[in-house]
Structures are given as C-alpha cells and as structure tokens.
N, C-alpha and C. Protein backbone atom coordinates (compact mmCIF):
# COMPACT_ATOMS: atom_id res chain seq x y z
N MET A 1 11.49 11.31 21.25
CA MET A 1 11.97 10.91 19.94
C MET A 1 11.30 11.78 18.87
N ALA A 2 12.05 12.10 17.84
CA ALA A 2 11.54 12.94 16.75
C ALA A 2 10.46 12.18 15.96
N LYS A 3 9.55 12.93 15.39
CA LYS A 3 8.45 12.39 14.58
C LYS A 3 8.48 13.06 13.22
N VAL A 4 7.79 12.44 12.28
CA VAL A 4 7.62 13.02 10.96
C VAL A 4 6.12 12.99 10.66
N LYS A 5 5.61 14.07 10.08
CA LYS A 5 4.19 14.15 9.71
C LYS A 5 3.97 13.29 8.47
N LEU A 6 2.99 12.39 8.53
CA LEU A 6 2.66 11.53 7.40
C LEU A 6 1.24 11.84 6.94
N GLU A 7 1.10 12.09 5.66
CA GLU A 7 -0.22 12.26 5.06
C GLU A 7 -0.35 11.29 3.90
N ILE A 8 -1.43 10.52 3.91
CA ILE A 8 -1.73 9.60 2.82
C ILE A 8 -3.02 10.09 2.19
N VAL A 9 -2.94 10.41 0.89
CA VAL A 9 -4.05 11.03 0.19
C VAL A 9 -4.36 10.23 -1.08
N THR A 10 -5.66 10.03 -1.34
CA THR A 10 -6.10 9.48 -2.63
C THR A 10 -6.89 10.58 -3.33
N ALA A 11 -7.35 10.30 -4.53
CA ALA A 11 -8.15 11.29 -5.26
C ALA A 11 -9.45 11.59 -4.53
N GLU A 12 -9.94 10.64 -3.74
CA GLU A 12 -11.22 10.82 -3.05
C GLU A 12 -11.11 11.54 -1.72
N LYS A 13 -10.03 11.24 -0.95
CA LYS A 13 -10.00 11.79 0.41
C LYS A 13 -8.63 11.65 1.06
N LEU A 14 -8.50 12.31 2.19
CA LEU A 14 -7.33 12.16 3.05
C LEU A 14 -7.54 10.87 3.84
N ILE A 15 -6.64 9.91 3.68
CA ILE A 15 -6.78 8.60 4.32
C ILE A 15 -6.16 8.59 5.71
N TYR A 16 -5.04 9.30 5.86
CA TYR A 16 -4.29 9.23 7.12
C TYR A 16 -3.50 10.52 7.29
N SER A 17 -3.46 11.03 8.51
CA SER A 17 -2.67 12.22 8.81
C SER A 17 -2.28 12.19 10.29
N GLU A 18 -1.03 11.84 10.55
CA GLU A 18 -0.53 11.74 11.93
C GLU A 18 0.97 11.98 11.94
N ASP A 19 1.49 12.30 13.12
CA ASP A 19 2.94 12.32 13.34
C ASP A 19 3.35 10.89 13.68
N VAL A 20 4.37 10.36 12.99
CA VAL A 20 4.76 8.96 13.15
C VAL A 20 6.27 8.85 13.35
N ASP A 21 6.69 7.66 13.78
CA ASP A 21 8.11 7.38 13.97
C ASP A 21 8.80 6.96 12.67
N MET A 22 8.09 6.18 11.83
CA MET A 22 8.72 5.63 10.63
C MET A 22 7.65 5.24 9.61
N VAL A 23 8.01 5.35 8.34
CA VAL A 23 7.16 4.91 7.23
C VAL A 23 7.99 3.97 6.37
N VAL A 24 7.41 2.85 5.99
CA VAL A 24 8.06 1.92 5.08
C VAL A 24 7.14 1.78 3.87
N ALA A 25 7.65 2.17 2.70
CA ALA A 25 6.81 2.25 1.50
C ALA A 25 7.42 1.44 0.35
N PRO A 26 6.55 0.90 -0.53
CA PRO A 26 7.03 0.10 -1.66
C PRO A 26 7.47 0.96 -2.84
N GLY A 27 8.72 1.37 -2.84
CA GLY A 27 9.25 2.16 -3.95
C GLY A 27 9.46 1.31 -5.18
N VAL A 28 9.73 1.94 -6.29
CA VAL A 28 9.93 1.21 -7.55
C VAL A 28 11.19 0.35 -7.53
N ASP A 29 12.15 0.69 -6.71
CA ASP A 29 13.39 -0.10 -6.63
C ASP A 29 13.47 -0.91 -5.35
N GLY A 30 12.36 -1.07 -4.64
CA GLY A 30 12.34 -1.81 -3.38
C GLY A 30 11.73 -0.97 -2.28
N TYR A 31 11.64 -1.55 -1.12
CA TYR A 31 11.01 -0.84 0.00
C TYR A 31 11.94 0.24 0.54
N LEU A 32 11.33 1.39 0.92
CA LEU A 32 12.06 2.53 1.47
C LEU A 32 11.64 2.73 2.91
N GLY A 33 12.60 2.86 3.81
CA GLY A 33 12.31 3.21 5.19
C GLY A 33 12.57 4.69 5.39
N ILE A 34 11.57 5.41 5.86
CA ILE A 34 11.67 6.86 6.03
C ILE A 34 11.56 7.19 7.51
N LEU A 35 12.57 7.85 8.03
CA LEU A 35 12.61 8.31 9.42
C LEU A 35 12.55 9.84 9.44
N PRO A 36 12.29 10.45 10.61
CA PRO A 36 12.33 11.91 10.69
C PRO A 36 13.68 12.45 10.20
N HIS A 37 13.67 13.60 9.59
CA HIS A 37 14.87 14.29 9.06
C HIS A 37 15.50 13.57 7.88
N HIS A 38 14.70 12.77 7.17
CA HIS A 38 15.20 12.06 5.98
C HIS A 38 15.56 13.08 4.90
N THR A 39 16.50 12.75 4.09
CA THR A 39 16.86 13.58 2.95
C THR A 39 15.67 13.71 2.02
N PRO A 40 15.39 14.90 1.51
CA PRO A 40 14.25 15.07 0.60
C PRO A 40 14.37 14.17 -0.64
N LEU A 41 13.24 13.64 -1.06
CA LEU A 41 13.20 12.85 -2.30
C LEU A 41 11.77 12.77 -2.80
N MET A 42 11.65 12.42 -4.06
CA MET A 42 10.35 12.19 -4.69
C MET A 42 10.50 10.88 -5.44
N THR A 43 9.55 9.97 -5.26
CA THR A 43 9.65 8.68 -5.93
C THR A 43 8.28 8.14 -6.29
N MET A 44 8.25 7.29 -7.28
CA MET A 44 7.03 6.56 -7.61
C MET A 44 6.91 5.39 -6.64
N LEU A 45 5.68 4.97 -6.38
CA LEU A 45 5.44 3.82 -5.52
C LEU A 45 4.81 2.70 -6.33
N ASN A 46 5.24 1.49 -6.06
CA ASN A 46 4.63 0.30 -6.64
C ASN A 46 3.45 -0.13 -5.79
N PRO A 47 2.57 -0.93 -6.34
CA PRO A 47 1.55 -1.54 -5.49
C PRO A 47 2.24 -2.38 -4.42
N GLY A 48 1.75 -2.33 -3.21
CA GLY A 48 2.35 -3.12 -2.14
C GLY A 48 1.85 -2.70 -0.78
N GLU A 49 2.57 -3.13 0.22
CA GLU A 49 2.21 -2.86 1.60
C GLU A 49 2.95 -1.62 2.10
N LEU A 50 2.21 -0.68 2.63
CA LEU A 50 2.78 0.51 3.26
C LEU A 50 2.65 0.29 4.78
N ARG A 51 3.77 0.38 5.51
CA ARG A 51 3.74 0.18 6.95
C ARG A 51 4.05 1.49 7.66
N ILE A 52 3.29 1.73 8.72
CA ILE A 52 3.47 2.93 9.54
C ILE A 52 3.81 2.47 10.94
N LYS A 53 4.92 2.97 11.47
CA LYS A 53 5.31 2.62 12.84
C LYS A 53 5.21 3.87 13.69
N ASN A 54 4.48 3.72 14.80
CA ASN A 54 4.27 4.84 15.70
C ASN A 54 4.20 4.31 17.13
N GLY A 55 5.25 4.56 17.90
CA GLY A 55 5.32 3.99 19.24
C GLY A 55 5.37 2.48 19.11
N GLY A 56 4.56 1.77 19.86
CA GLY A 56 4.50 0.32 19.76
C GLY A 56 3.52 -0.18 18.73
N GLU A 57 2.84 0.72 18.05
CA GLU A 57 1.81 0.34 17.09
C GLU A 57 2.38 0.28 15.68
N GLU A 58 1.89 -0.69 14.90
CA GLU A 58 2.25 -0.78 13.49
C GLU A 58 0.96 -0.90 12.69
N ILE A 59 0.80 -0.04 11.72
CA ILE A 59 -0.39 -0.02 10.86
C ILE A 59 0.05 -0.45 9.47
N GLU A 60 -0.71 -1.38 8.89
CA GLU A 60 -0.44 -1.81 7.52
C GLU A 60 -1.55 -1.32 6.61
N MET A 61 -1.14 -0.90 5.43
CA MET A 61 -2.10 -0.48 4.40
C MET A 61 -1.70 -1.11 3.08
N ALA A 62 -2.69 -1.46 2.30
CA ALA A 62 -2.47 -1.91 0.93
C ALA A 62 -2.62 -0.69 0.05
N ILE A 63 -1.60 -0.40 -0.76
CA ILE A 63 -1.70 0.70 -1.71
C ILE A 63 -1.49 0.16 -3.12
N THR A 64 -2.08 0.81 -4.08
CA THR A 64 -2.00 0.33 -5.46
C THR A 64 -1.10 1.20 -6.32
N GLY A 65 -0.09 1.79 -5.69
CA GLY A 65 0.84 2.63 -6.43
C GLY A 65 0.56 4.09 -6.20
N GLY A 66 1.42 4.92 -6.76
CA GLY A 66 1.28 6.36 -6.62
C GLY A 66 2.65 7.02 -6.53
N PHE A 67 2.72 8.08 -5.74
CA PHE A 67 3.95 8.84 -5.57
C PHE A 67 4.16 9.15 -4.09
N MET A 68 5.41 9.37 -3.73
CA MET A 68 5.73 9.78 -2.36
C MET A 68 6.73 10.92 -2.42
N GLU A 69 6.40 11.98 -1.67
CA GLU A 69 7.31 13.10 -1.50
C GLU A 69 7.79 13.08 -0.06
N VAL A 70 9.10 13.13 0.11
CA VAL A 70 9.70 13.12 1.45
C VAL A 70 10.43 14.43 1.67
N ARG A 71 10.08 15.09 2.77
CA ARG A 71 10.80 16.27 3.23
C ARG A 71 11.30 15.95 4.63
N PRO A 72 12.23 16.69 5.17
CA PRO A 72 12.76 16.34 6.50
C PRO A 72 11.68 16.26 7.59
N ASP A 73 10.60 17.04 7.44
CA ASP A 73 9.58 17.08 8.49
C ASP A 73 8.23 16.51 8.06
N LYS A 74 8.11 16.06 6.79
CA LYS A 74 6.81 15.62 6.30
C LYS A 74 6.96 14.61 5.16
N VAL A 75 6.08 13.61 5.17
CA VAL A 75 6.01 12.63 4.08
C VAL A 75 4.59 12.68 3.55
N VAL A 76 4.46 12.85 2.23
CA VAL A 76 3.15 12.86 1.59
C VAL A 76 3.11 11.70 0.60
N VAL A 77 2.13 10.82 0.79
CA VAL A 77 1.91 9.70 -0.12
C VAL A 77 0.65 10.03 -0.92
N LEU A 78 0.81 10.15 -2.23
CA LEU A 78 -0.32 10.35 -3.15
C LEU A 78 -0.59 8.99 -3.78
N ALA A 79 -1.54 8.27 -3.20
CA ALA A 79 -1.79 6.89 -3.61
C ALA A 79 -2.94 6.80 -4.60
N ASP A 80 -2.82 5.89 -5.55
CA ASP A 80 -3.93 5.62 -6.46
C ASP A 80 -5.12 5.14 -5.63
N ALA A 81 -4.85 4.22 -4.70
CA ALA A 81 -5.85 3.74 -3.74
C ALA A 81 -5.09 3.25 -2.52
N ALA A 82 -5.71 3.39 -1.35
CA ALA A 82 -5.09 2.94 -0.10
C ALA A 82 -6.18 2.39 0.80
N GLU A 83 -5.88 1.27 1.45
CA GLU A 83 -6.86 0.60 2.27
C GLU A 83 -6.16 0.03 3.51
N ARG A 84 -6.65 0.39 4.69
CA ARG A 84 -6.10 -0.18 5.92
C ARG A 84 -6.38 -1.68 5.94
N ALA A 85 -5.48 -2.43 6.57
CA ALA A 85 -5.63 -3.88 6.62
C ALA A 85 -6.98 -4.30 7.16
N GLU A 86 -7.46 -3.62 8.21
CA GLU A 86 -8.73 -4.01 8.82
C GLU A 86 -9.94 -3.66 7.96
N GLU A 87 -9.75 -2.83 6.93
CA GLU A 87 -10.85 -2.45 6.05
C GLU A 87 -10.97 -3.35 4.82
N ILE A 88 -10.01 -4.23 4.62
CA ILE A 88 -10.00 -5.07 3.42
C ILE A 88 -11.09 -6.13 3.54
N ASP A 89 -11.93 -6.18 2.52
CA ASP A 89 -12.98 -7.19 2.43
C ASP A 89 -12.34 -8.43 1.79
N ILE A 90 -12.05 -9.43 2.61
CA ILE A 90 -11.32 -10.61 2.14
C ILE A 90 -12.12 -11.35 1.08
N ALA A 91 -13.43 -11.50 1.28
CA ALA A 91 -14.26 -12.21 0.30
C ALA A 91 -14.22 -11.50 -1.06
N ARG A 92 -14.28 -10.17 -1.03
CA ARG A 92 -14.23 -9.41 -2.29
C ARG A 92 -12.86 -9.55 -2.96
N ALA A 93 -11.79 -9.54 -2.16
CA ALA A 93 -10.45 -9.70 -2.71
C ALA A 93 -10.27 -11.10 -3.29
N GLU A 94 -10.81 -12.12 -2.62
CA GLU A 94 -10.74 -13.49 -3.14
C GLU A 94 -11.49 -13.60 -4.46
N ALA A 95 -12.66 -12.97 -4.54
CA ALA A 95 -13.45 -13.00 -5.78
C ALA A 95 -12.70 -12.30 -6.91
N ALA A 96 -12.05 -11.18 -6.62
CA ALA A 96 -11.27 -10.46 -7.64
C ALA A 96 -10.10 -11.31 -8.11
N LYS A 97 -9.47 -12.00 -7.18
CA LYS A 97 -8.34 -12.89 -7.51
C LYS A 97 -8.82 -13.99 -8.45
N LYS A 98 -9.96 -14.60 -8.12
CA LYS A 98 -10.49 -15.69 -8.94
C LYS A 98 -10.83 -15.19 -10.35
N ARG A 99 -11.50 -14.02 -10.43
CA ARG A 99 -11.84 -13.46 -11.75
C ARG A 99 -10.59 -13.20 -12.59
N ALA A 100 -9.56 -12.63 -11.97
CA ALA A 100 -8.32 -12.34 -12.69
C ALA A 100 -7.64 -13.63 -13.15
N GLU A 101 -7.63 -14.63 -12.30
CA GLU A 101 -7.01 -15.91 -12.68
C GLU A 101 -7.77 -16.56 -13.83
N GLU A 102 -9.11 -16.47 -13.81
CA GLU A 102 -9.91 -17.03 -14.91
C GLU A 102 -9.63 -16.30 -16.21
N ARG A 103 -9.51 -14.97 -16.15
CA ARG A 103 -9.20 -14.20 -17.36
C ARG A 103 -7.83 -14.57 -17.89
N LEU A 104 -6.86 -14.75 -16.98
CA LEU A 104 -5.50 -15.09 -17.41
C LEU A 104 -5.42 -16.50 -17.99
N ALA A 105 -6.31 -17.40 -17.55
CA ALA A 105 -6.30 -18.77 -18.05
C ALA A 105 -6.88 -18.87 -19.46
N GLY A 106 -7.71 -17.90 -19.86
CA GLY A 106 -8.34 -17.92 -21.18
C GLY A 106 -7.55 -17.10 -22.18
N LYS A 107 -8.01 -17.13 -23.42
CA LYS A 107 -7.42 -16.32 -24.48
C LYS A 107 -7.96 -14.90 -24.35
N VAL A 108 -7.08 -13.95 -24.09
CA VAL A 108 -7.50 -12.55 -23.98
C VAL A 108 -6.56 -11.68 -24.79
N PRO A 109 -7.06 -10.57 -25.33
CA PRO A 109 -6.18 -9.63 -26.03
C PRO A 109 -5.12 -9.08 -25.07
N GLU A 110 -4.01 -8.60 -25.63
CA GLU A 110 -2.88 -8.15 -24.80
C GLU A 110 -3.28 -7.07 -23.81
N GLY A 111 -4.08 -6.09 -24.21
CA GLY A 111 -4.51 -5.03 -23.30
C GLY A 111 -5.29 -5.60 -22.12
N ASP A 112 -6.16 -6.58 -22.41
CA ASP A 112 -6.92 -7.23 -21.34
C ASP A 112 -6.00 -8.08 -20.47
N LEU A 113 -4.99 -8.67 -21.08
CA LEU A 113 -4.03 -9.48 -20.33
C LEU A 113 -3.31 -8.62 -19.29
N LEU A 114 -2.88 -7.43 -19.70
CA LEU A 114 -2.20 -6.54 -18.76
C LEU A 114 -3.12 -6.10 -17.63
N ARG A 115 -4.38 -5.81 -17.96
CA ARG A 115 -5.35 -5.44 -16.92
C ARG A 115 -5.61 -6.61 -15.97
N ALA A 116 -5.71 -7.81 -16.51
CA ALA A 116 -5.94 -8.99 -15.67
C ALA A 116 -4.74 -9.25 -14.76
N GLN A 117 -3.53 -9.07 -15.28
CA GLN A 117 -2.33 -9.24 -14.45
C GLN A 117 -2.30 -8.20 -13.34
N ALA A 118 -2.64 -6.95 -13.65
CA ALA A 118 -2.67 -5.90 -12.63
C ALA A 118 -3.75 -6.19 -11.59
N SER A 119 -4.91 -6.67 -12.03
CA SER A 119 -5.98 -7.01 -11.09
C SER A 119 -5.56 -8.14 -10.17
N LEU A 120 -4.89 -9.14 -10.72
CA LEU A 120 -4.42 -10.25 -9.90
C LEU A 120 -3.39 -9.76 -8.88
N MET A 121 -2.47 -8.91 -9.31
CA MET A 121 -1.46 -8.39 -8.40
C MET A 121 -2.11 -7.59 -7.26
N ARG A 122 -3.09 -6.75 -7.57
CA ARG A 122 -3.79 -5.98 -6.53
C ARG A 122 -4.51 -6.89 -5.55
N ALA A 123 -5.20 -7.89 -6.06
CA ALA A 123 -5.94 -8.81 -5.19
C ALA A 123 -4.99 -9.58 -4.28
N LEU A 124 -3.89 -10.07 -4.83
CA LEU A 124 -2.93 -10.81 -4.02
C LEU A 124 -2.30 -9.93 -2.94
N MET A 125 -2.02 -8.68 -3.29
CA MET A 125 -1.43 -7.75 -2.31
C MET A 125 -2.42 -7.45 -1.20
N ARG A 126 -3.68 -7.23 -1.54
CA ARG A 126 -4.70 -6.97 -0.52
C ARG A 126 -4.86 -8.17 0.40
N LEU A 127 -4.86 -9.38 -0.17
CA LEU A 127 -4.99 -10.58 0.64
C LEU A 127 -3.78 -10.76 1.56
N LYS A 128 -2.60 -10.46 1.06
CA LYS A 128 -1.39 -10.58 1.87
C LYS A 128 -1.45 -9.64 3.08
N VAL A 129 -1.84 -8.40 2.85
CA VAL A 129 -1.91 -7.42 3.94
C VAL A 129 -2.98 -7.84 4.96
N ALA A 130 -4.14 -8.29 4.48
CA ALA A 130 -5.21 -8.72 5.39
C ALA A 130 -4.80 -9.96 6.18
N GLU A 131 -4.14 -10.91 5.52
CA GLU A 131 -3.71 -12.13 6.20
C GLU A 131 -2.66 -11.84 7.26
N LYS A 132 -1.75 -10.95 6.98
CA LYS A 132 -0.71 -10.58 7.95
C LYS A 132 -1.36 -10.01 9.22
N ARG A 133 -2.34 -9.15 9.05
CA ARG A 133 -3.04 -8.58 10.21
C ARG A 133 -3.80 -9.67 10.97
N ARG A 134 -4.46 -10.57 10.23
CA ARG A 134 -5.22 -11.64 10.87
C ARG A 134 -4.30 -12.55 11.68
N ARG A 135 -3.16 -12.93 11.12
CA ARG A 135 -2.19 -13.78 11.84
C ARG A 135 -1.66 -13.08 13.08
N ARG A 136 -1.34 -11.80 12.95
CA ARG A 136 -0.79 -11.07 14.10
C ARG A 136 -1.82 -10.95 15.21
N GLY A 137 -3.09 -10.84 14.86
CA GLY A 137 -4.14 -10.75 15.85
C GLY A 137 -4.32 -12.03 16.64
N LYS A 138 -3.93 -13.16 16.05
CA LYS A 138 -4.07 -14.46 16.73
C LYS A 138 -2.87 -14.81 17.58
N LEU A 139 -1.76 -14.09 17.43
CA LEU A 139 -0.56 -14.42 18.21
C LEU A 139 -0.70 -14.01 19.66
C-alpha cells in the first residue's frame, strides 16, 4: 500500500517524521483526511486532535493550531504546539482548565476573556485526547 511522508514540526523541534497510511487533521472548516497522492493544498489548522494511521496503529496528538501543507508524497504540519496523547500531563491540563474556568467566571477585560477562552479550549482538547487514549488502553 502507498504511504505518505508526514512531518509534524513546532518552533522548538521536529515532533514526528514517518511514512504513514493516513493523516486526519482539524482544518478550519472541519476535519481533513489525507491519503497518499492527495491533491496539493495549504490550510490553516484549528486546535484539535490530529490522528495518524499507520498499519494497525493509530497515534493521537493534541495540536493547538497551525498550518498544513499537503503534497502528493508529503504532508507537513507546522503546529503552534503538538503533544502525543501519552505525553499529556492530565493533572496539569485539569489545573489549566480550572484556572481558565475561574477567569471566565469573574469579571475580566475582553482581551483577557479571549485568552481565557483559548486556554479553556486547549485544556479541554488535551483532556479529550488523553481520555480517548486511556479508554482505548482499557478495552
């Protein structure tokens, strides 16, 4: 079966680089499924779950947005931040969620409100990705 080279890069480092069967990414208009020989495209990515399918394995990552370039033989994800499900610190994500909810419950200036909403969205997304992996591990 044909493969496509996937590279996931943040400002700090190369997170992932492998030949894979499929990539599912959170595009701005919904999730995009990318297979080998996909039509070239460039799109922004929303915060969400990025899934990598390779053989019988599926890898989940939490990403906080960025860009994706798709070529027929290569997919490059330039992520603001990316974290594998098994690397997510659940206690830290829960604490971030609580802090964001407390900020949203109080009176905050609009700029702080937008930051608190973004923080809450990131924490919830990280928890969702970590919980999905935890549930799958128990099945």
